[in-house]
Structure formats: C-alpha cells, structure tokens
Amino acid sequence: MGWFRQAPGQERQFVATTRRNRNVPNY
C-alpha cells in the first residue's frame, strides 16, 4: 500500500509505502 500526492500542474509524487512483507516503511 502506498500514498502519493499531486499538486496542480505537477506529476503524481510518491509520499510513503508500507509493504506487506517488510516491517520498515519507505518515505
């Protein structure tokens, strides 16, 4: 699962993810 964000006029940008088989999320 992940979160992304998109501001007007910009591309969709990665924010964070939590992977089912990993205890450490990524930001």
mmCIF file of all heavy atoms, coordinates in Angstrom:
data_MODEL
# 
_entry.id   MODEL 
# 
loop_
_atom_site.group_PDB 
_atom_site.id 
_atom_site.type_symbol 
_atom_site.label_atom_id 
_atom_site.label_alt_id 
_atom_site.label_comp_id 
_atom_site.label_asym_id 
_atom_site.label_entity_id 
_atom_site.label_seq_id 
_atom_site.pdbx_PDB_ins_code 
_atom_site.Cartn_x 
_atom_site.Cartn_y 
_atom_site.Cartn_z 
_atom_site.occupancy 
_atom_site.B_iso_or_equiv 
_atom_site.pdbx_formal_charge 
_atom_site.auth_seq_id 
_atom_site.auth_comp_id 
_atom_site.auth_asym_id 
_atom_site.auth_atom_id 
_atom_site.pdbx_PDB_model_num 
ATOM 1   N N   . MET A 1 1  ? 0.829  -1.195  0.000   1.00 0.00 ? 1  MET A N   1 
ATOM 2   C CA  . MET A 1 1  ? 0.000  0.000   0.000   1.00 0.00 ? 1  MET A CA  1 
ATOM 3   C C   . MET A 1 1  ? 0.869  1.254   0.000   1.00 0.00 ? 1  MET A C   1 
ATOM 4   O O   . MET A 1 1  ? 1.903  1.308   0.671   1.00 0.00 ? 1  MET A O   1 
ATOM 5   C CB  . MET A 1 1  ? -0.885 0.025   1.245   1.00 0.00 ? 1  MET A CB  1 
ATOM 6   C CG  . MET A 1 1  ? -1.763 -1.193  1.426   1.00 0.00 ? 1  MET A CG  1 
ATOM 7   S SD  . MET A 1 1  ? -3.031 -1.354  0.158   1.00 0.00 ? 1  MET A SD  1 
ATOM 8   C CE  . MET A 1 1  ? -4.002 0.124   0.462   1.00 0.00 ? 1  MET A CE  1 
ATOM 9   N N   . GLY A 1 2  ? 0.411  2.265   -0.724  1.00 0.00 ? 2  GLY A N   1 
ATOM 10  C CA  . GLY A 1 2  ? 1.193  3.494   -0.782  1.00 0.00 ? 2  GLY A CA  1 
ATOM 11  C C   . GLY A 1 2  ? 0.327  4.735   -0.740  1.00 0.00 ? 2  GLY A C   1 
ATOM 12  O O   . GLY A 1 2  ? -0.886 4.676   -0.955  1.00 0.00 ? 2  GLY A O   1 
ATOM 13  N N   . TRP A 1 3  ? 0.964  5.854   -0.431  1.00 0.00 ? 3  TRP A N   1 
ATOM 14  C CA  . TRP A 1 3  ? 0.360  7.178   -0.539  1.00 0.00 ? 3  TRP A CA  1 
ATOM 15  C C   . TRP A 1 3  ? 1.163  7.985   -1.548  1.00 0.00 ? 3  TRP A C   1 
ATOM 16  O O   . TRP A 1 3  ? 2.402  7.983   -1.509  1.00 0.00 ? 3  TRP A O   1 
ATOM 17  C CB  . TRP A 1 3  ? 0.372  7.902   0.802   1.00 0.00 ? 3  TRP A CB  1 
ATOM 18  C CG  . TRP A 1 3  ? -0.646 7.416   1.789   1.00 0.00 ? 3  TRP A CG  1 
ATOM 19  C CD1 . TRP A 1 3  ? -0.447 6.524   2.809   1.00 0.00 ? 3  TRP A CD1 1 
ATOM 20  C CD2 . TRP A 1 3  ? -2.029 7.802   1.874   1.00 0.00 ? 3  TRP A CD2 1 
ATOM 21  N NE1 . TRP A 1 3  ? -1.618 6.331   3.509   1.00 0.00 ? 3  TRP A NE1 1 
ATOM 22  C CE2 . TRP A 1 3  ? -2.599 7.106   2.959   1.00 0.00 ? 3  TRP A CE2 1 
ATOM 23  C CE3 . TRP A 1 3  ? -2.826 8.661   1.136   1.00 0.00 ? 3  TRP A CE3 1 
ATOM 24  C CZ2 . TRP A 1 3  ? -3.951 7.256   3.327   1.00 0.00 ? 3  TRP A CZ2 1 
ATOM 25  C CZ3 . TRP A 1 3  ? -4.160 8.807   1.502   1.00 0.00 ? 3  TRP A CZ3 1 
ATOM 26  C CH2 . TRP A 1 3  ? -4.703 8.106   2.579   1.00 0.00 ? 3  TRP A CH2 1 
ATOM 27  N N   . PHE A 1 4  ? 0.434  8.669   -2.409  1.00 0.00 ? 4  PHE A N   1 
ATOM 28  C CA  . PHE A 1 4  ? 1.016  9.584   -3.374  1.00 0.00 ? 4  PHE A CA  1 
ATOM 29  C C   . PHE A 1 4  ? 0.286  10.914  -3.255  1.00 0.00 ? 4  PHE A C   1 
ATOM 30  O O   . PHE A 1 4  ? -0.782 11.002  -2.646  1.00 0.00 ? 4  PHE A O   1 
ATOM 31  C CB  . PHE A 1 4  ? 0.866  9.036   -4.798  1.00 0.00 ? 4  PHE A CB  1 
ATOM 32  C CG  . PHE A 1 4  ? 1.751  7.865   -5.100  1.00 0.00 ? 4  PHE A CG  1 
ATOM 33  C CD1 . PHE A 1 4  ? 1.463  6.594   -4.612  1.00 0.00 ? 4  PHE A CD1 1 
ATOM 34  C CD2 . PHE A 1 4  ? 2.892  8.018   -5.874  1.00 0.00 ? 4  PHE A CD2 1 
ATOM 35  C CE1 . PHE A 1 4  ? 2.283  5.516   -4.873  1.00 0.00 ? 4  PHE A CE1 1 
ATOM 36  C CE2 . PHE A 1 4  ? 3.717  6.944   -6.157  1.00 0.00 ? 4  PHE A CE2 1 
ATOM 37  C CZ  . PHE A 1 4  ? 3.410  5.694   -5.648  1.00 0.00 ? 4  PHE A CZ  1 
ATOM 38  N N   . ARG A 1 5  ? 0.853  11.946  -3.851  1.00 0.00 ? 5  ARG A N   1 
ATOM 39  C CA  . ARG A 1 5  ? 0.168  13.244  -3.866  1.00 0.00 ? 5  ARG A CA  1 
ATOM 40  C C   . ARG A 1 5  ? 0.422  13.931  -5.196  1.00 0.00 ? 5  ARG A C   1 
ATOM 41  O O   . ARG A 1 5  ? 1.418  13.659  -5.879  1.00 0.00 ? 5  ARG A O   1 
ATOM 42  C CB  . ARG A 1 5  ? 0.635  14.122  -2.706  1.00 0.00 ? 5  ARG A CB  1 
ATOM 43  C CG  . ARG A 1 5  ? 2.092  14.540  -2.754  1.00 0.00 ? 5  ARG A CG  1 
ATOM 44  C CD  . ARG A 1 5  ? 2.481  15.256  -1.467  1.00 0.00 ? 5  ARG A CD  1 
ATOM 45  N NE  . ARG A 1 5  ? 3.863  15.723  -1.494  1.00 0.00 ? 5  ARG A NE  1 
ATOM 46  C CZ  . ARG A 1 5  ? 4.479  16.274  -0.459  1.00 0.00 ? 5  ARG A CZ  1 
ATOM 47  N NH1 . ARG A 1 5  ? 3.822  16.423  0.709   1.00 0.00 ? 5  ARG A NH1 1 
ATOM 48  N NH2 . ARG A 1 5  ? 5.734  16.675  -0.555  1.00 0.00 ? 5  ARG A NH2 1 
ATOM 49  N N   . GLN A 1 6  ? -0.500 14.813  -5.534  1.00 0.00 ? 6  GLN A N   1 
ATOM 50  C CA  . GLN A 1 6  ? -0.383 15.538  -6.797  1.00 0.00 ? 6  GLN A CA  1 
ATOM 51  C C   . GLN A 1 6  ? -0.870 16.955  -6.601  1.00 0.00 ? 6  GLN A C   1 
ATOM 52  O O   . GLN A 1 6  ? -2.036 17.187  -6.233  1.00 0.00 ? 6  GLN A O   1 
ATOM 53  C CB  . GLN A 1 6  ? -1.185 14.846  -7.899  1.00 0.00 ? 6  GLN A CB  1 
ATOM 54  C CG  . GLN A 1 6  ? -0.930 15.410  -9.282  1.00 0.00 ? 6  GLN A CG  1 
ATOM 55  C CD  . GLN A 1 6  ? -1.476 14.494  -10.366 1.00 0.00 ? 6  GLN A CD  1 
ATOM 56  O OE1 . GLN A 1 6  ? -2.319 13.633  -10.128 1.00 0.00 ? 6  GLN A OE1 1 
ATOM 57  N NE2 . GLN A 1 6  ? -0.970 14.666  -11.592 1.00 0.00 ? 6  GLN A NE2 1 
ATOM 58  N N   . ALA A 1 7  ? 0.032  17.902  -6.837  1.00 0.00 ? 7  ALA A N   1 
ATOM 59  C CA  . ALA A 1 7  ? -0.314 19.316  -6.793  1.00 0.00 ? 7  ALA A CA  1 
ATOM 60  C C   . ALA A 1 7  ? -0.694 19.771  -8.198  1.00 0.00 ? 7  ALA A C   1 
ATOM 61  O O   . ALA A 1 7  ? -0.300 19.149  -9.192  1.00 0.00 ? 7  ALA A O   1 
ATOM 62  C CB  . ALA A 1 7  ? 0.871  20.114  -6.267  1.00 0.00 ? 7  ALA A CB  1 
ATOM 63  N N   . PRO A 1 8  ? -1.442 20.863  -8.318  1.00 0.00 ? 8  PRO A N   1 
ATOM 64  C CA  . PRO A 1 8  ? -1.857 21.345  -9.640  1.00 0.00 ? 8  PRO A CA  1 
ATOM 65  C C   . PRO A 1 8  ? -0.661 21.575  -10.561 1.00 0.00 ? 8  PRO A C   1 
ATOM 66  O O   . PRO A 1 8  ? 0.329  22.209  -10.168 1.00 0.00 ? 8  PRO A O   1 
ATOM 67  C CB  . PRO A 1 8  ? -2.563 22.662  -9.326  1.00 0.00 ? 8  PRO A CB  1 
ATOM 68  C CG  . PRO A 1 8  ? -3.073 22.494  -7.936  1.00 0.00 ? 8  PRO A CG  1 
ATOM 69  C CD  . PRO A 1 8  ? -2.033 21.672  -7.239  1.00 0.00 ? 8  PRO A CD  1 
ATOM 70  N N   . GLY A 1 9  ? -0.749 21.041  -11.757 1.00 0.00 ? 9  GLY A N   1 
ATOM 71  C CA  . GLY A 1 9  ? 0.300  21.232  -12.740 1.00 0.00 ? 9  GLY A CA  1 
ATOM 72  C C   . GLY A 1 9  ? 1.536  20.383  -12.537 1.00 0.00 ? 9  GLY A C   1 
ATOM 73  O O   . GLY A 1 9  ? 2.516  20.533  -13.277 1.00 0.00 ? 9  GLY A O   1 
ATOM 74  N N   . GLN A 1 10 ? 1.491  19.505  -11.548 1.00 0.00 ? 10 GLN A N   1 
ATOM 75  C CA  . GLN A 1 10 ? 2.653  18.661  -11.271 1.00 0.00 ? 10 GLN A CA  1 
ATOM 76  C C   . GLN A 1 10 ? 2.304  17.183  -11.446 1.00 0.00 ? 10 GLN A C   1 
ATOM 77  O O   . GLN A 1 10 ? 1.150  16.795  -11.439 1.00 0.00 ? 10 GLN A O   1 
ATOM 78  C CB  . GLN A 1 10 ? 3.152  18.904  -9.847  1.00 0.00 ? 10 GLN A CB  1 
ATOM 79  C CG  . GLN A 1 10 ? 3.663  20.318  -9.611  1.00 0.00 ? 10 GLN A CG  1 
ATOM 80  C CD  . GLN A 1 10 ? 4.302  20.480  -8.245  1.00 0.00 ? 10 GLN A CD  1 
ATOM 81  O OE1 . GLN A 1 10 ? 4.664  19.509  -7.589  1.00 0.00 ? 10 GLN A OE1 1 
ATOM 82  N NE2 . GLN A 1 10 ? 4.448  21.725  -7.819  1.00 0.00 ? 10 GLN A NE2 1 
ATOM 83  N N   . GLU A 1 11 ? 3.351  16.376  -11.593 1.00 0.00 ? 11 GLU A N   1 
ATOM 84  C CA  . GLU A 1 11 ? 3.160  14.932  -11.700 1.00 0.00 ? 11 GLU A CA  1 
ATOM 85  C C   . GLU A 1 11 ? 2.845  14.339  -10.325 1.00 0.00 ? 11 GLU A C   1 
ATOM 86  O O   . GLU A 1 11 ? 3.138  14.939  -9.288  1.00 0.00 ? 11 GLU A O   1 
ATOM 87  C CB  . GLU A 1 11 ? 4.417  14.279  -12.272 1.00 0.00 ? 11 GLU A CB  1 
ATOM 88  C CG  . GLU A 1 11 ? 4.708  14.676  -13.706 1.00 0.00 ? 11 GLU A CG  1 
ATOM 89  C CD  . GLU A 1 11 ? 5.887  13.914  -14.281 1.00 0.00 ? 11 GLU A CD  1 
ATOM 90  O OE1 . GLU A 1 11 ? 6.577  13.218  -13.519 1.00 0.00 ? 11 GLU A OE1 1 
ATOM 91  O OE2 . GLU A 1 11 ? 6.112  14.010  -15.503 1.00 0.00 ? 11 GLU A OE2 1 
ATOM 92  N N   . ARG A 1 12 ? 2.247  13.162  -10.367 1.00 0.00 ? 12 ARG A N   1 
ATOM 93  C CA  . ARG A 1 12 ? 1.953  12.458  -9.123  1.00 0.00 ? 12 ARG A CA  1 
ATOM 94  C C   . ARG A 1 12 ? 3.279  12.076  -8.456  1.00 0.00 ? 12 ARG A C   1 
ATOM 95  O O   . ARG A 1 12 ? 4.189  11.552  -9.094  1.00 0.00 ? 12 ARG A O   1 
ATOM 96  C CB  . ARG A 1 12 ? 1.102  11.236  -9.398  1.00 0.00 ? 12 ARG A CB  1 
ATOM 97  C CG  . ARG A 1 12 ? 0.453  10.661  -8.172  1.00 0.00 ? 12 ARG A CG  1 
ATOM 98  C CD  . ARG A 1 12 ? -0.718 9.775   -8.529  1.00 0.00 ? 12 ARG A CD  1 
ATOM 99  N NE  . ARG A 1 12 ? -1.817 10.552  -9.118  1.00 0.00 ? 12 ARG A NE  1 
ATOM 100 C CZ  . ARG A 1 12 ? -3.029 10.055  -9.324  1.00 0.00 ? 12 ARG A CZ  1 
ATOM 101 N NH1 . ARG A 1 12 ? -3.310 8.790   -8.993  1.00 0.00 ? 12 ARG A NH1 1 
ATOM 102 N NH2 . ARG A 1 12 ? -3.968 10.802  -9.863  1.00 0.00 ? 12 ARG A NH2 1 
ATOM 103 N N   . GLN A 1 13 ? 3.363  12.337  -7.155  1.00 0.00 ? 13 GLN A N   1 
ATOM 104 C CA  . GLN A 1 13 ? 4.613  12.227  -6.410  1.00 0.00 ? 13 GLN A CA  1 
ATOM 105 C C   . GLN A 1 13 ? 4.470  11.206  -5.288  1.00 0.00 ? 13 GLN A C   1 
ATOM 106 O O   . GLN A 1 13 ? 3.473  11.213  -4.553  1.00 0.00 ? 13 GLN A O   1 
ATOM 107 C CB  . GLN A 1 13 ? 4.959  13.606  -5.840  1.00 0.00 ? 13 GLN A CB  1 
ATOM 108 C CG  . GLN A 1 13 ? 6.209  13.690  -5.002  1.00 0.00 ? 13 GLN A CG  1 
ATOM 109 C CD  . GLN A 1 13 ? 6.348  15.061  -4.353  1.00 0.00 ? 13 GLN A CD  1 
ATOM 110 O OE1 . GLN A 1 13 ? 5.421  15.578  -3.740  1.00 0.00 ? 13 GLN A OE1 1 
ATOM 111 N NE2 . GLN A 1 13 ? 7.537  15.650  -4.494  1.00 0.00 ? 13 GLN A NE2 1 
ATOM 112 N N   . PHE A 1 14 ? 5.462  10.362  -5.148  1.00 0.00 ? 14 PHE A N   1 
ATOM 113 C CA  . PHE A 1 14 ? 5.485  9.369   -4.080  1.00 0.00 ? 14 PHE A CA  1 
ATOM 114 C C   . PHE A 1 14 ? 5.591  10.043  -2.719  1.00 0.00 ? 14 PHE A C   1 
ATOM 115 O O   . PHE A 1 14 ? 6.355  11.009  -2.548  1.00 0.00 ? 14 PHE A O   1 
ATOM 116 C CB  . PHE A 1 14 ? 6.667  8.434   -4.289  1.00 0.00 ? 14 PHE A CB  1 
ATOM 117 C CG  . PHE A 1 14 ? 6.953  7.516   -3.132  1.00 0.00 ? 14 PHE A CG  1 
ATOM 118 C CD1 . PHE A 1 14 ? 6.106  6.458   -2.851  1.00 0.00 ? 14 PHE A CD1 1 
ATOM 119 C CD2 . PHE A 1 14 ? 8.068  7.716   -2.332  1.00 0.00 ? 14 PHE A CD2 1 
ATOM 120 C CE1 . PHE A 1 14 ? 6.379  5.608   -1.786  1.00 0.00 ? 14 PHE A CE1 1 
ATOM 121 C CE2 . PHE A 1 14 ? 8.348  6.879   -1.284  1.00 0.00 ? 14 PHE A CE2 1 
ATOM 122 C CZ  . PHE A 1 14 ? 7.502  5.820   -1.002  1.00 0.00 ? 14 PHE A CZ  1 
ATOM 123 N N   . VAL A 1 15 ? 4.860  9.519   -1.742  1.00 0.00 ? 15 VAL A N   1 
ATOM 124 C CA  . VAL A 1 15 ? 4.936  10.018  -0.369  1.00 0.00 ? 15 VAL A CA  1 
ATOM 125 C C   . VAL A 1 15 ? 5.471  8.933   0.562   1.00 0.00 ? 15 VAL A C   1 
ATOM 126 O O   . VAL A 1 15 ? 6.456  9.129   1.261   1.00 0.00 ? 15 VAL A O   1 
ATOM 127 C CB  . VAL A 1 15 ? 3.559  10.506  0.123   1.00 0.00 ? 15 VAL A CB  1 
ATOM 128 C CG1 . VAL A 1 15 ? 3.632  10.911  1.589   1.00 0.00 ? 15 VAL A CG1 1 
ATOM 129 C CG2 . VAL A 1 15 ? 3.053  11.660  -0.740  1.00 0.00 ? 15 VAL A CG2 1 
ATOM 130 N N   . ALA A 1 16 ? 4.793  7.776   0.577   1.00 0.00 ? 16 ALA A N   1 
ATOM 131 C CA  . ALA A 1 16 ? 5.191  6.721   1.511   1.00 0.00 ? 16 ALA A CA  1 
ATOM 132 C C   . ALA A 1 16 ? 4.586  5.396   1.068   1.00 0.00 ? 16 ALA A C   1 
ATOM 133 O O   . ALA A 1 16 ? 3.590  5.366   0.343   1.00 0.00 ? 16 ALA A O   1 
ATOM 134 C CB  . ALA A 1 16 ? 4.723  7.045   2.928   1.00 0.00 ? 16 ALA A CB  1 
ATOM 135 N N   . THR A 1 17 ? 5.199  4.308   1.530   1.00 0.00 ? 17 THR A N   1 
ATOM 136 C CA  . THR A 1 17 ? 4.650  3.000   1.247   1.00 0.00 ? 17 THR A CA  1 
ATOM 137 C C   . THR A 1 17 ? 4.853  2.065   2.423   1.00 0.00 ? 17 THR A C   1 
ATOM 138 O O   . THR A 1 17 ? 5.821  2.203   3.183   1.00 0.00 ? 17 THR A O   1 
ATOM 139 C CB  . THR A 1 17 ? 5.279  2.391   -0.022  1.00 0.00 ? 17 THR A CB  1 
ATOM 140 O OG1 . THR A 1 17 ? 4.555  1.214   -0.387  1.00 0.00 ? 17 THR A OG1 1 
ATOM 141 C CG2 . THR A 1 17 ? 6.710  1.985   0.235   1.00 0.00 ? 17 THR A CG2 1 
ATOM 142 N N   . THR A 1 18 ? 3.932  1.135   2.582   1.00 0.00 ? 18 THR A N   1 
ATOM 143 C CA  . THR A 1 18 ? 4.071  0.049   3.533   1.00 0.00 ? 18 THR A CA  1 
ATOM 144 C C   . THR A 1 18 ? 3.853  -1.256  2.778   1.00 0.00 ? 18 THR A C   1 
ATOM 145 O O   . THR A 1 18 ? 2.799  -1.476  2.188   1.00 0.00 ? 18 THR A O   1 
ATOM 146 C CB  . THR A 1 18 ? 3.072  0.200   4.707   1.00 0.00 ? 18 THR A CB  1 
ATOM 147 O OG1 . THR A 1 18 ? 3.089  -0.999  5.481   1.00 0.00 ? 18 THR A OG1 1 
ATOM 148 C CG2 . THR A 1 18 ? 1.648  0.473   4.250   1.00 0.00 ? 18 THR A CG2 1 
ATOM 149 N N   . ARG A 1 19 ? 4.895  -2.063  2.793   1.00 0.00 ? 19 ARG A N   1 
ATOM 150 C CA  . ARG A 1 19 ? 4.831  -3.331  2.062   1.00 0.00 ? 19 ARG A CA  1 
ATOM 151 C C   . ARG A 1 19 ? 4.474  -4.451  3.020   1.00 0.00 ? 19 ARG A C   1 
ATOM 152 O O   . ARG A 1 19 ? 4.923  -4.481  4.177   1.00 0.00 ? 19 ARG A O   1 
ATOM 153 C CB  . ARG A 1 19 ? 6.181  -3.595  1.375   1.00 0.00 ? 19 ARG A CB  1 
ATOM 154 C CG  . ARG A 1 19 ? 6.461  -2.632  0.226   1.00 0.00 ? 19 ARG A CG  1 
ATOM 155 C CD  . ARG A 1 19 ? 7.797  -2.936  -0.427  1.00 0.00 ? 19 ARG A CD  1 
ATOM 156 N NE  . ARG A 1 19 ? 8.902  -2.480  0.380   1.00 0.00 ? 19 ARG A NE  1 
ATOM 157 C CZ  . ARG A 1 19 ? 10.168 -2.801  0.153   1.00 0.00 ? 19 ARG A CZ  1 
ATOM 158 N NH1 . ARG A 1 19 ? 10.465 -3.606  -0.852  1.00 0.00 ? 19 ARG A NH1 1 
ATOM 159 N NH2 . ARG A 1 19 ? 11.130 -2.318  0.915   1.00 0.00 ? 19 ARG A NH2 1 
ATOM 160 N N   . ARG A 1 20 ? 3.676  -5.397  2.534   1.00 0.00 ? 20 ARG A N   1 
ATOM 161 C CA  . ARG A 1 20 ? 3.109  -6.409  3.423   1.00 0.00 ? 20 ARG A CA  1 
ATOM 162 C C   . ARG A 1 20 ? 4.163  -7.299  4.049   1.00 0.00 ? 20 ARG A C   1 
ATOM 163 O O   . ARG A 1 20 ? 3.964  -7.815  5.139   1.00 0.00 ? 20 ARG A O   1 
ATOM 164 C CB  . ARG A 1 20 ? 2.081  -7.263  2.656   1.00 0.00 ? 20 ARG A CB  1 
ATOM 165 C CG  . ARG A 1 20 ? 2.667  -8.400  1.851   1.00 0.00 ? 20 ARG A CG  1 
ATOM 166 C CD  . ARG A 1 20 ? 1.822  -8.810  0.691   1.00 0.00 ? 20 ARG A CD  1 
ATOM 167 N NE  . ARG A 1 20 ? 2.013  -7.945  -0.453  1.00 0.00 ? 20 ARG A NE  1 
ATOM 168 C CZ  . ARG A 1 20 ? 1.629  -8.248  -1.677  1.00 0.00 ? 20 ARG A CZ  1 
ATOM 169 N NH1 . ARG A 1 20 ? 0.988  -9.368  -1.896  1.00 0.00 ? 20 ARG A NH1 1 
ATOM 170 N NH2 . ARG A 1 20 ? 1.840  -7.426  -2.667  1.00 0.00 ? 20 ARG A NH2 1 
ATOM 171 N N   . ASN A 1 21 ? 5.300  -7.483  3.389   1.00 0.00 ? 21 ASN A N   1 
ATOM 172 C CA  . ASN A 1 21 ? 6.332  -8.389  3.889   1.00 0.00 ? 21 ASN A CA  1 
ATOM 173 C C   . ASN A 1 21 ? 7.552  -7.667  4.439   1.00 0.00 ? 21 ASN A C   1 
ATOM 174 O O   . ASN A 1 21 ? 8.611  -8.280  4.611   1.00 0.00 ? 21 ASN A O   1 
ATOM 175 C CB  . ASN A 1 21 ? 6.760  -9.344  2.769   1.00 0.00 ? 21 ASN A CB  1 
ATOM 176 C CG  . ASN A 1 21 ? 5.621  -10.259 2.366   1.00 0.00 ? 21 ASN A CG  1 
ATOM 177 O OD1 . ASN A 1 21 ? 4.836  -10.708 3.202   1.00 0.00 ? 21 ASN A OD1 1 
ATOM 178 N ND2 . ASN A 1 21 ? 5.516  -10.534 1.080   1.00 0.00 ? 21 ASN A ND2 1 
ATOM 179 N N   . ARG A 1 22 ? 7.389  -6.365  4.674   1.00 0.00 ? 22 ARG A N   1 
ATOM 180 C CA  . ARG A 1 22 ? 8.508  -5.581  5.207   1.00 0.00 ? 22 ARG A CA  1 
ATOM 181 C C   . ARG A 1 22 ? 8.026  -4.793  6.420   1.00 0.00 ? 22 ARG A C   1 
ATOM 182 O O   . ARG A 1 22 ? 6.983  -4.156  6.377   1.00 0.00 ? 22 ARG A O   1 
ATOM 183 C CB  . ARG A 1 22 ? 9.034  -4.602  4.155   1.00 0.00 ? 22 ARG A CB  1 
ATOM 184 C CG  . ARG A 1 22 ? 9.637  -5.277  2.931   1.00 0.00 ? 22 ARG A CG  1 
ATOM 185 C CD  . ARG A 1 22 ? 10.957 -5.945  3.252   1.00 0.00 ? 22 ARG A CD  1 
ATOM 186 N NE  . ARG A 1 22 ? 11.609 -6.463  2.044   1.00 0.00 ? 22 ARG A NE  1 
ATOM 187 C CZ  . ARG A 1 22 ? 11.432 -7.674  1.563   1.00 0.00 ? 22 ARG A CZ  1 
ATOM 188 N NH1 . ARG A 1 22 ? 10.629 -8.516  2.198   1.00 0.00 ? 22 ARG A NH1 1 
ATOM 189 N NH2 . ARG A 1 22 ? 12.047 -8.049  0.456   1.00 0.00 ? 22 ARG A NH2 1 
ATOM 190 N N   . ASN A 1 23 ? 8.767  -4.818  7.492   1.00 0.00 ? 23 ASN A N   1 
ATOM 191 C CA  . ASN A 1 23 ? 8.383  -4.098  8.701   1.00 0.00 ? 23 ASN A CA  1 
ATOM 192 C C   . ASN A 1 23 ? 8.727  -2.624  8.624   1.00 0.00 ? 23 ASN A C   1 
ATOM 193 O O   . ASN A 1 23 ? 8.175  -1.819  9.374   1.00 0.00 ? 23 ASN A O   1 
ATOM 194 C CB  . ASN A 1 23 ? 9.053  -4.710  9.929   1.00 0.00 ? 23 ASN A CB  1 
ATOM 195 C CG  . ASN A 1 23 ? 8.500  -6.086  10.250  1.00 0.00 ? 23 ASN A CG  1 
ATOM 196 O OD1 . ASN A 1 23 ? 7.320  -6.353  10.022  1.00 0.00 ? 23 ASN A OD1 1 
ATOM 197 N ND2 . ASN A 1 23 ? 9.341  -6.954  10.782  1.00 0.00 ? 23 ASN A ND2 1 
ATOM 198 N N   . VAL A 1 24 ? 9.650  -2.263  7.752   1.00 0.00 ? 24 VAL A N   1 
ATOM 199 C CA  . VAL A 1 24 ? 10.109 -0.877  7.685   1.00 0.00 ? 24 VAL A CA  1 
ATOM 200 C C   . VAL A 1 24 ? 9.456  -0.186  6.503   1.00 0.00 ? 24 VAL A C   1 
ATOM 201 O O   . VAL A 1 24 ? 9.638  -0.594  5.364   1.00 0.00 ? 24 VAL A O   1 
ATOM 202 C CB  . VAL A 1 24 ? 11.643 -0.817  7.535   1.00 0.00 ? 24 VAL A CB  1 
ATOM 203 C CG1 . VAL A 1 24 ? 12.106 0.635   7.431   1.00 0.00 ? 24 VAL A CG1 1 
ATOM 204 C CG2 . VAL A 1 24 ? 12.306 -1.516  8.718   1.00 0.00 ? 24 VAL A CG2 1 
ATOM 205 N N   . PRO A 1 25 ? 8.691  0.880   6.741   1.00 0.00 ? 25 PRO A N   1 
ATOM 206 C CA  . PRO A 1 25 ? 8.079  1.602   5.625   1.00 0.00 ? 25 PRO A CA  1 
ATOM 207 C C   . PRO A 1 25 ? 9.119  2.459   4.896   1.00 0.00 ? 25 PRO A C   1 
ATOM 208 O O   . PRO A 1 25 ? 10.253 2.610   5.364   1.00 0.00 ? 25 PRO A O   1 
ATOM 209 C CB  . PRO A 1 25 ? 7.032  2.476   6.312   1.00 0.00 ? 25 PRO A CB  1 
ATOM 210 C CG  . PRO A 1 25 ? 7.548  2.664   7.699   1.00 0.00 ? 25 PRO A CG  1 
ATOM 211 C CD  . PRO A 1 25 ? 8.304  1.423   8.040   1.00 0.00 ? 25 PRO A CD  1 
ATOM 212 N N   . ASN A 1 26 ? 8.727  2.989   3.771   1.00 0.00 ? 26 ASN A N   1 
ATOM 213 C CA  . ASN A 1 26 ? 9.600  3.838   2.969   1.00 0.00 ? 26 ASN A CA  1 
ATOM 214 C C   . ASN A 1 26 ? 8.948  5.205   2.761   1.00 0.00 ? 26 ASN A C   1 
ATOM 215 O O   . ASN A 1 26 ? 7.727  5.282   2.588   1.00 0.00 ? 26 ASN A O   1 
ATOM 216 C CB  . ASN A 1 26 ? 9.876  3.183   1.618   1.00 0.00 ? 26 ASN A CB  1 
ATOM 217 C CG  . ASN A 1 26 ? 10.441 1.781   1.766   1.00 0.00 ? 26 ASN A CG  1 
ATOM 218 O OD1 . ASN A 1 26 ? 9.743  0.796   1.567   1.00 0.00 ? 26 ASN A OD1 1 
ATOM 219 N ND2 . ASN A 1 26 ? 11.689 1.693   2.148   1.00 0.00 ? 26 ASN A ND2 1 
ATOM 220 N N   . TYR A 1 27 ? 9.766  6.242   2.771   1.00 0.00 ? 27 TYR A N   1 
ATOM 221 C CA  . TYR A 1 27 ? 9.260  7.606   2.667   1.00 0.00 ? 27 TYR A CA  1 
ATOM 222 C C   . TYR A 1 27 ? 10.040 8.396   1.634   1.00 0.00 ? 27 TYR A C   1 
ATOM 223 O O   . TYR A 1 27 ? 11.239 8.178   1.437   1.00 0.00 ? 27 TYR A O   1 
ATOM 224 C CB  . TYR A 1 27 ? 9.388  8.330   4.013   1.00 0.00 ? 27 TYR A CB  1 
ATOM 225 C CG  . TYR A 1 27 ? 8.567  7.721   5.119   1.00 0.00 ? 27 TYR A CG  1 
ATOM 226 C CD1 . TYR A 1 27 ? 9.140  6.806   6.002   1.00 0.00 ? 27 TYR A CD1 1 
ATOM 227 C CD2 . TYR A 1 27 ? 7.220  8.052   5.285   1.00 0.00 ? 27 TYR A CD2 1 
ATOM 228 C CE1 . TYR A 1 27 ? 8.383  6.236   7.018   1.00 0.00 ? 27 TYR A CE1 1 
ATOM 229 C CE2 . TYR A 1 27 ? 6.468  7.491   6.302   1.00 0.00 ? 27 TYR A CE2 1 
ATOM 230 C CZ  . TYR A 1 27 ? 7.049  6.585   7.160   1.00 0.00 ? 27 TYR A CZ  1 
ATOM 231 O OH  . TYR A 1 27 ? 6.312  6.023   8.161   1.00 0.00 ? 27 TYR A OH  1 
# 
